[in-house]
Amino acid sequence: MTMSRSDTSNADVAVQLPGMRVAYDGDAFDETSLASTWTEQLQSWLDQAISARVPEPNAMVLATADTNGFPSSRTVLCKGLDDRGIVFYTNYTSSKSHDLTVTRYASATFPWYPLQRQVHVRGEVEKVSVKETAAYWASRPRGSQLGAWASPQSRVVDGRRALDNALHGIERRFADVEDVPYPPHWGGWRIRPDTVEFWQGRQDRMHDRLRFVRIEDGWRIERVAP
């Protein structure tokens, strides 16, 4: 039997995958290195990711589940960080928003691979205030604003042309409008964490995992085995 080029390529990948690994060599990360609050620690690592020029350092993988328990994940951008939680913005009619409206719970992971670090945030969600949404919307490029109006996010569309035509229609609609208003179906979600885990890659897969856990009167710090 003669193997095709695609079959050969697939076979090569199958052989390579088991041996593909990176030897982590991160610095020790222990309880004495941890900031007093999860917010300070996350901001510190985010600042370091920015300084290290990690691509899209505020990108995070957001995981949700629908009413049947089927999970979904996608990358979104963190656009707010304070003691209340982390914030991202999206279409309120999207699949992720439908999930969040029903379950009121989500998790997000910041994957800073070049730094051999990850941060996992999990907790209840809430919509951000109209004031916060308006302030962030005003900071967005006009093209992104128009795209938010044009895209029926998560819905099936009849080809790329349908999207382009929708955008052209929105461009005409707001051609004479200097400040584009935000759509009524668009806004922010805040994850209010009950756990925040900081993961640092270490040698021999003996990684450091330190976790803030919300308790009745504050936060407890735990070390988790890798």
C-alpha atoms as a PDB file:
ATOM      1  CA  MET A   1       0.000   0.000   0.000  1.00  0.00           C
ATOM      2  CA  THR A   2       1.340   3.410  -0.950  1.00  0.00           C
ATOM      3  CA  MET A   3       0.875   6.198   1.584  1.00  0.00           C
ATOM      4  CA  SER A   4      -0.160   9.628   0.301  1.00  0.00           C
ATOM      5  CA  ARG A   5       1.708  12.773   1.299  1.00  0.00           C
ATOM      6  CA  SER A   6      -1.050  13.710   3.758  1.00  0.00           C
ATOM      7  CA  ASP A   7      -0.966  10.229   5.294  1.00  0.00           C
ATOM      8  CA  THR A   8       2.792  10.486   5.687  1.00  0.00           C
ATOM      9  CA  SER A   9       2.515  13.924   7.280  1.00  0.00           C
ATOM     10  CA  ASN A  10      -0.141  12.704   9.714  1.00  0.00           C
ATOM     11  CA  ALA A  11       2.029   9.727  10.625  1.00  0.00           C
ATOM     12  CA  ASP A  12       5.010  12.018  11.246  1.00  0.00           C
ATOM     13  CA  VAL A  13       2.928  14.217  13.535  1.00  0.00           C
ATOM     14  CA  ALA A  14       1.629  11.185  15.429  1.00  0.00           C
ATOM     15  CA  VAL A  15       5.201  10.031  16.020  1.00  0.00           C
ATOM     16  CA  GLN A  16       6.400  13.475  17.087  1.00  0.00           C
ATOM     17  CA  LEU A  17       3.616  14.414  19.508  1.00  0.00           C
ATOM     18  CA  PRO A  18       4.594  12.082  22.391  1.00  0.00           C
ATOM     19  CA  GLY A  19       8.110  13.487  22.398  1.00  0.00           C
ATOM     20  CA  MET A  20       7.165  17.145  22.169  1.00  0.00           C
ATOM     21  CA  ARG A  21       7.828  18.909  25.458  1.00  0.00           C
ATOM     22  CA  VAL A  22       9.438  22.003  26.908  1.00  0.00           C
ATOM     23  CA  ALA A  23      11.787  21.803  29.881  1.00  0.00           C
ATOM     24  CA  TYR A  24      10.474  24.417  32.289  1.00  0.00           C
ATOM     25  CA  ASP A  25      13.089  26.258  34.301  1.00  0.00           C
ATOM     26  CA  GLY A  26      11.170  29.001  36.066  1.00  0.00           C
ATOM     27  CA  ASP A  27      12.294  30.581  39.309  1.00  0.00           C
ATOM     28  CA  ALA A  28      10.914  29.302  42.595  1.00  0.00           C
ATOM     29  CA  PHE A  29       7.495  30.745  43.407  1.00  0.00           C
ATOM     30  CA  ASP A  30       6.539  30.252  47.037  1.00  0.00           C
ATOM     31  CA  GLU A  31       4.311  31.795  49.654  1.00  0.00           C
ATOM     32  CA  THR A  32       6.918  34.430  50.522  1.00  0.00           C
ATOM     33  CA  SER A  33       6.883  35.612  46.901  1.00  0.00           C
ATOM     34  CA  LEU A  34       3.118  36.024  46.811  1.00  0.00           C
ATOM     35  CA  ALA A  35       1.520  39.466  47.024  1.00  0.00           C
ATOM     36  CA  SER A  36      -0.941  40.086  49.840  1.00  0.00           C
ATOM     37  CA  THR A  37      -3.942  40.049  47.474  1.00  0.00           C
ATOM     38  CA  TRP A  38      -4.785  38.177  44.285  1.00  0.00           C
ATOM     39  CA  THR A  39      -5.373  41.516  42.548  1.00  0.00           C
ATOM     40  CA  GLU A  40      -1.851  42.759  43.284  1.00  0.00           C
ATOM     41  CA  GLN A  41      -0.317  39.445  42.249  1.00  0.00           C
ATOM     42  CA  LEU A  42      -2.248  39.306  38.974  1.00  0.00           C
ATOM     43  CA  GLN A  43      -1.405  42.929  38.180  1.00  0.00           C
ATOM     44  CA  SER A  44       2.281  42.235  38.914  1.00  0.00           C
ATOM     45  CA  TRP A  45       2.421  39.231  36.592  1.00  0.00           C
ATOM     46  CA  LEU A  46       0.445  41.090  33.936  1.00  0.00           C
ATOM     47  CA  ASP A  47       2.904  43.994  34.116  1.00  0.00           C
ATOM     48  CA  GLN A  48       5.781  41.542  33.699  1.00  0.00           C
ATOM     49  CA  ALA A  49       4.063  39.927  30.699  1.00  0.00           C
ATOM     50  CA  ILE A  50       3.674  43.377  29.126  1.00  0.00           C
ATOM     51  CA  SER A  51       7.338  44.229  29.805  1.00  0.00           C
ATOM     52  CA  ALA A  52       8.395  40.899  28.285  1.00  0.00           C
ATOM     53  CA  ARG A  53       6.386  41.748  25.145  1.00  0.00           C
ATOM     54  CA  VAL A  54       4.215  38.654  25.412  1.00  0.00           C
ATOM     55  CA  PRO A  55       1.744  38.812  22.485  1.00  0.00           C
ATOM     56  CA  GLU A  56      -1.642  40.096  23.675  1.00  0.00           C
ATOM     57  CA  PRO A  57      -0.755  39.801  27.383  1.00  0.00           C
ATOM     58  CA  ASN A  58      -4.339  40.575  28.422  1.00  0.00           C
ATOM     59  CA  ALA A  59      -5.744  37.693  26.342  1.00  0.00           C
ATOM     60  CA  MET A  60      -7.477  35.015  28.385  1.00  0.00           C
ATOM     61  CA  VAL A  61      -9.261  31.772  27.529  1.00  0.00           C
ATOM     62  CA  LEU A  62     -12.840  32.051  28.775  1.00  0.00           C
ATOM     63  CA  ALA A  63     -14.738  28.836  29.568  1.00  0.00           C
ATOM     64  CA  THR A  64     -18.506  28.607  29.960  1.00  0.00           C
ATOM     65  CA  ALA A  65     -21.130  25.849  29.928  1.00  0.00           C
ATOM     66  CA  ASP A  66     -24.670  25.735  28.576  1.00  0.00           C
ATOM     67  CA  THR A  67     -27.808  24.376  30.236  1.00  0.00           C
ATOM     68  CA  ASN A  68     -26.869  20.816  29.228  1.00  0.00           C
ATOM     69  CA  GLY A  69     -23.430  21.143  30.751  1.00  0.00           C
ATOM     70  CA  PHE A  70     -21.690  21.260  27.367  1.00  0.00           C
ATOM     71  CA  PRO A  71     -18.533  23.385  27.743  1.00  0.00           C
ATOM     72  CA  SER A  72     -17.231  26.016  25.346  1.00  0.00           C
ATOM     73  CA  SER A  73     -14.017  27.999  25.413  1.00  0.00           C
ATOM     74  CA  ARG A  74     -12.721  30.955  23.436  1.00  0.00           C
ATOM     75  CA  THR A  75     -10.178  33.728  23.778  1.00  0.00           C
ATOM     76  CA  VAL A  76     -11.320  37.160  24.944  1.00  0.00           C
ATOM     77  CA  LEU A  77      -9.448  40.228  26.150  1.00  0.00           C
ATOM     78  CA  CYS A  78      -9.378  41.324  29.777  1.00  0.00           C
ATOM     79  CA  LYS A  79     -10.358  44.996  29.858  1.00  0.00           C
ATOM     80  CA  GLY A  80     -10.695  45.569  33.584  1.00  0.00           C
ATOM     81  CA  LEU A  81      -8.978  44.407  36.762  1.00  0.00           C
ATOM     82  CA  ASP A  82      -9.702  45.502  40.322  1.00  0.00           C
ATOM     83  CA  ASP A  83     -10.765  44.064  43.666  1.00  0.00           C
ATOM     84  CA  ARG A  84     -14.205  43.279  42.265  1.00  0.00           C
ATOM     85  CA  GLY A  85     -12.861  40.961  39.559  1.00  0.00           C
ATOM     86  CA  ILE A  86     -11.812  40.851  35.902  1.00  0.00           C
ATOM     87  CA  VAL A  87     -13.864  42.306  33.057  1.00  0.00           C
ATOM     88  CA  PHE A  88     -14.330  41.546  29.369  1.00  0.00           C
ATOM     89  CA  TYR A  89     -16.787  42.956  26.832  1.00  0.00           C
ATOM     90  CA  THR A  90     -18.942  41.166  24.280  1.00  0.00           C
ATOM     91  CA  ASN A  91     -22.295  40.935  22.542  1.00  0.00           C
ATOM     92  CA  TYR A  92     -25.014  40.077  25.069  1.00  0.00           C
ATOM     93  CA  THR A  93     -26.743  37.902  22.432  1.00  0.00           C
ATOM     94  CA  SER A  94     -23.622  35.762  21.852  1.00  0.00           C
ATOM     95  CA  SER A  95     -23.315  32.116  22.860  1.00  0.00           C
ATOM     96  CA  LYS A  96     -21.036  32.985  25.759  1.00  0.00           C
ATOM     97  CA  SER A  97     -23.512  35.522  27.089  1.00  0.00           C
ATOM     98  CA  HIS A  98     -26.373  33.019  26.830  1.00  0.00           C
ATOM     99  CA  ASP A  99     -24.288  30.572  28.887  1.00  0.00           C
ATOM    100  CA  LEU A 100     -23.406  33.197  31.473  1.00  0.00           C
ATOM    101  CA  THR A 101     -26.990  34.402  31.782  1.00  0.00           C
ATOM    102  CA  VAL A 102     -28.109  30.874  32.641  1.00  0.00           C
ATOM    103  CA  THR A 103     -25.280  29.554  34.804  1.00  0.00           C
ATOM    104  CA  ARG A 104     -23.873  32.843  36.189  1.00  0.00           C
ATOM    105  CA  TYR A 105     -20.452  31.190  36.417  1.00  0.00           C
ATOM    106  CA  ALA A 106     -17.240  31.179  34.361  1.00  0.00           C
ATOM    107  CA  SER A 107     -13.517  30.548  34.438  1.00  0.00           C
ATOM    108  CA  ALA A 108     -10.688  32.257  32.583  1.00  0.00           C
ATOM    109  CA  THR A 109      -7.009  31.439  32.047  1.00  0.00           C
ATOM    110  CA  PHE A 110      -4.209  33.842  31.176  1.00  0.00           C
ATOM    111  CA  PRO A 111      -1.711  31.663  29.202  1.00  0.00           C
ATOM    112  CA  TRP A 112       1.648  33.406  29.350  1.00  0.00           C
ATOM    113  CA  TYR A 113       3.622  30.611  27.656  1.00  0.00           C
ATOM    114  CA  PRO A 114       6.872  32.580  27.078  1.00  0.00           C
ATOM    115  CA  LEU A 115       7.068  33.222  30.830  1.00  0.00           C
ATOM    116  CA  GLN A 116       6.081  29.638  31.712  1.00  0.00           C
ATOM    117  CA  ARG A 117       3.179  31.013  33.708  1.00  0.00           C
ATOM    118  CA  GLN A 118      -0.585  30.741  33.855  1.00  0.00           C
ATOM    119  CA  VAL A 119      -3.252  32.342  36.013  1.00  0.00           C
ATOM    120  CA  HIS A 120      -6.660  30.702  36.456  1.00  0.00           C
ATOM    121  CA  VAL A 121      -9.651  32.730  37.653  1.00  0.00           C
ATOM    122  CA  ARG A 122     -13.031  31.191  38.477  1.00  0.00           C
ATOM    123  CA  GLY A 123     -16.192  32.623  39.959  1.00  0.00           C
ATOM    124  CA  GLU A 124     -19.664  34.068  39.571  1.00  0.00           C
ATOM    125  CA  VAL A 125     -20.359  36.633  36.879  1.00  0.00           C
ATOM    126  CA  GLU A 126     -22.293  39.867  36.687  1.00  0.00           C
ATOM    127  CA  LYS A 127     -22.892  42.494  34.041  1.00  0.00           C
ATOM    128  CA  VAL A 128     -20.882  45.667  34.484  1.00  0.00           C
ATOM    129  CA  SER A 129     -22.649  48.977  34.943  1.00  0.00           C
ATOM    130  CA  VAL A 130     -23.881  51.105  32.074  1.00  0.00           C
ATOM    131  CA  LYS A 131     -21.391  53.792  33.126  1.00  0.00           C
ATOM    132  CA  GLU A 132     -18.449  51.390  32.880  1.00  0.00           C
ATOM    133  CA  THR A 133     -19.631  50.047  29.541  1.00  0.00           C
ATOM    134  CA  ALA A 134     -20.001  53.554  28.117  1.00  0.00           C
ATOM    135  CA  ALA A 135     -16.528  54.552  29.313  1.00  0.00           C
ATOM    136  CA  TYR A 136     -14.867  51.528  27.744  1.00  0.00           C
ATOM    137  CA  TRP A 137     -16.898  51.851  24.531  1.00  0.00           C
ATOM    138  CA  ALA A 138     -15.666  55.426  24.098  1.00  0.00           C
ATOM    139  CA  SER A 139     -12.065  54.166  24.175  1.00  0.00           C
ATOM    140  CA  ARG A 140     -12.576  51.680  21.320  1.00  0.00           C
ATOM    141  CA  PRO A 141     -11.469  52.424  17.747  1.00  0.00           C
ATOM    142  CA  ARG A 142     -14.325  53.481  15.492  1.00  0.00           C
ATOM    143  CA  GLY A 143     -13.878  50.384  13.346  1.00  0.00           C
ATOM    144  CA  SER A 144     -14.354  48.130  16.365  1.00  0.00           C
ATOM    145  CA  GLN A 145     -17.451  50.091  17.351  1.00  0.00           C
ATOM    146  CA  LEU A 146     -18.977  49.668  13.901  1.00  0.00           C
ATOM    147  CA  GLY A 147     -18.090  45.983  13.895  1.00  0.00           C
ATOM    148  CA  ALA A 148     -19.936  45.484  17.175  1.00  0.00           C
ATOM    149  CA  TRP A 149     -23.063  46.935  15.575  1.00  0.00           C
ATOM    150  CA  ALA A 150     -22.678  44.906  12.376  1.00  0.00           C
ATOM    151  CA  SER A 151     -21.908  41.433  13.702  1.00  0.00           C
ATOM    152  CA  PRO A 152     -24.739  39.138  14.863  1.00  0.00           C
ATOM    153  CA  GLN A 153     -22.230  37.332  17.037  1.00  0.00           C
ATOM    154  CA  SER A 154     -22.461  33.513  17.206  1.00  0.00           C
ATOM    155  CA  ARG A 155     -25.282  33.322  14.646  1.00  0.00           C
ATOM    156  CA  VAL A 156     -24.964  31.393  11.381  1.00  0.00           C
ATOM    157  CA  VAL A 157     -24.472  33.764   8.430  1.00  0.00           C
ATOM    158  CA  ASP A 158     -24.714  33.204   4.701  1.00  0.00           C
ATOM    159  CA  GLY A 159     -21.060  33.686   3.828  1.00  0.00           C
ATOM    160  CA  ARG A 160     -18.478  36.431   4.297  1.00  0.00           C
ATOM    161  CA  ARG A 161     -20.324  38.745   1.936  1.00  0.00           C
ATOM    162  CA  ALA A 162     -23.226  38.913   4.384  1.00  0.00           C
ATOM    163  CA  LEU A 163     -20.885  40.208   7.073  1.00  0.00           C
ATOM    164  CA  ASP A 164     -19.249  42.716   4.740  1.00  0.00           C
ATOM    165  CA  ASN A 165     -22.630  43.981   3.571  1.00  0.00           C
ATOM    166  CA  ALA A 166     -23.783  44.351   7.171  1.00  0.00           C
ATOM    167  CA  LEU A 167     -20.678  46.398   7.999  1.00  0.00           C
ATOM    168  CA  HIS A 168     -21.141  48.616   4.942  1.00  0.00           C
ATOM    169  CA  GLY A 169     -24.728  49.237   6.023  1.00  0.00           C
ATOM    170  CA  ILE A 170     -23.618  50.262   9.517  1.00  0.00           C
ATOM    171  CA  GLU A 171     -20.914  52.526   8.059  1.00  0.00           C
ATOM    172  CA  ARG A 172     -23.596  54.333   6.051  1.00  0.00           C
ATOM    173  CA  ARG A 173     -25.920  54.499   9.053  1.00  0.00           C
ATOM    174  CA  PHE A 174     -23.334  56.265  11.218  1.00  0.00           C
ATOM    175  CA  ALA A 175     -21.515  58.137   8.465  1.00  0.00           C
ATOM    176  CA  ASP A 176     -22.557  61.507   9.869  1.00  0.00           C
ATOM    177  CA  VAL A 177     -22.338  60.520  13.537  1.00  0.00           C
ATOM    178  CA  GLU A 178     -19.135  61.581  15.266  1.00  0.00           C
ATOM    179  CA  ASP A 179     -19.579  59.543  18.444  1.00  0.00           C
ATOM    180  CA  VAL A 180     -21.031  56.121  17.704  1.00  0.00           C
ATOM    181  CA  PRO A 181     -23.264  54.979  20.606  1.00  0.00           C
ATOM    182  CA  TYR A 182     -22.828  51.500  22.006  1.00  0.00           C
ATOM    183  CA  PRO A 183     -25.454  48.925  20.974  1.00  0.00           C
ATOM    184  CA  PRO A 184     -28.123  48.023  23.530  1.00  0.00           C
ATOM    185  CA  HIS A 185     -27.133  44.369  23.096  1.00  0.00           C
ATOM    186  CA  TRP A 186     -23.460  44.950  23.949  1.00  0.00           C
ATOM    187  CA  GLY A 187     -21.604  45.350  27.235  1.00  0.00           C
ATOM    188  CA  GLY A 188     -19.289  43.940  29.852  1.00  0.00           C
ATOM    189  CA  TRP A 189     -19.189  40.899  32.078  1.00  0.00           C
ATOM    190  CA  ARG A 190     -17.251  40.748  35.327  1.00  0.00           C
ATOM    191  CA  ILE A 191     -15.961  37.495  36.813  1.00  0.00           C
ATOM    192  CA  ARG A 192     -16.016  37.856  40.596  1.00  0.00           C
ATOM    193  CA  PRO A 193     -13.483  35.220  41.601  1.00  0.00           C
ATOM    194  CA  ASP A 194     -13.860  32.677  44.359  1.00  0.00           C
ATOM    195  CA  THR A 195     -10.516  31.109  43.382  1.00  0.00           C
ATOM    196  CA  VAL A 196      -7.452  32.572  41.662  1.00  0.00           C
ATOM    197  CA  GLU A 197      -4.534  30.218  40.989  1.00  0.00           C
ATOM    198  CA  PHE A 198      -1.021  31.288  40.023  1.00  0.00           C
ATOM    199  CA  TRP A 199       0.980  28.625  38.146  1.00  0.00           C
ATOM    200  CA  GLN A 200       4.732  28.790  37.604  1.00  0.00           C
ATOM    201  CA  GLY A 201       6.493  26.135  35.514  1.00  0.00           C
ATOM    202  CA  ARG A 202       9.360  24.344  37.300  1.00  0.00           C
ATOM    203  CA  GLN A 203      11.847  21.609  36.522  1.00  0.00           C
ATOM    204  CA  ASP A 204      10.738  17.963  36.259  1.00  0.00           C
ATOM    205  CA  ARG A 205       7.098  19.067  36.079  1.00  0.00           C
ATOM    206  CA  MET A 206       7.153  19.909  39.782  1.00  0.00           C
ATOM    207  CA  HIS A 207       5.404  23.191  39.115  1.00  0.00           C
ATOM    208  CA  ASP A 208       4.488  25.775  41.747  1.00  0.00           C
ATOM    209  CA  ARG A 209       0.739  26.318  42.111  1.00  0.00           C
ATOM    210  CA  LEU A 210      -0.435  28.849  44.695  1.00  0.00           C
ATOM    211  CA  ARG A 211      -4.116  29.584  45.027  1.00  0.00           C
ATOM    212  CA  PHE A 212      -6.223  32.296  46.655  1.00  0.00           C
ATOM    213  CA  VAL A 213      -9.552  30.862  47.861  1.00  0.00           C
ATOM    214  CA  ARG A 214     -12.383  33.100  49.020  1.00  0.00           C
ATOM    215  CA  ILE A 215     -13.619  32.362  52.528  1.00  0.00           C
ATOM    216  CA  GLU A 216     -16.218  34.053  54.696  1.00  0.00           C
ATOM    217  CA  ASP A 217     -13.901  36.686  56.158  1.00  0.00           C
ATOM    218  CA  GLY A 218     -11.387  37.101  53.337  1.00  0.00           C
ATOM    219  CA  TRP A 219      -9.029  34.828  51.428  1.00  0.00           C
ATOM    220  CA  ARG A 220      -7.105  31.647  52.207  1.00  0.00           C
ATOM    221  CA  ILE A 221      -3.856  30.764  50.426  1.00  0.00           C
ATOM    222  CA  GLU A 222      -3.293  27.143  49.393  1.00  0.00           C
ATOM    223  CA  ARG A 223      -0.480  25.287  47.675  1.00  0.00           C
ATOM    224  CA  VAL A 224      -1.716  22.736  45.146  1.00  0.00           C
ATOM    225  CA  ALA A 225       0.300  19.743  43.970  1.00  0.00           C
ATOM    226  CA  PRO A 226       1.248  19.806  40.280  1.00  0.00           C
END
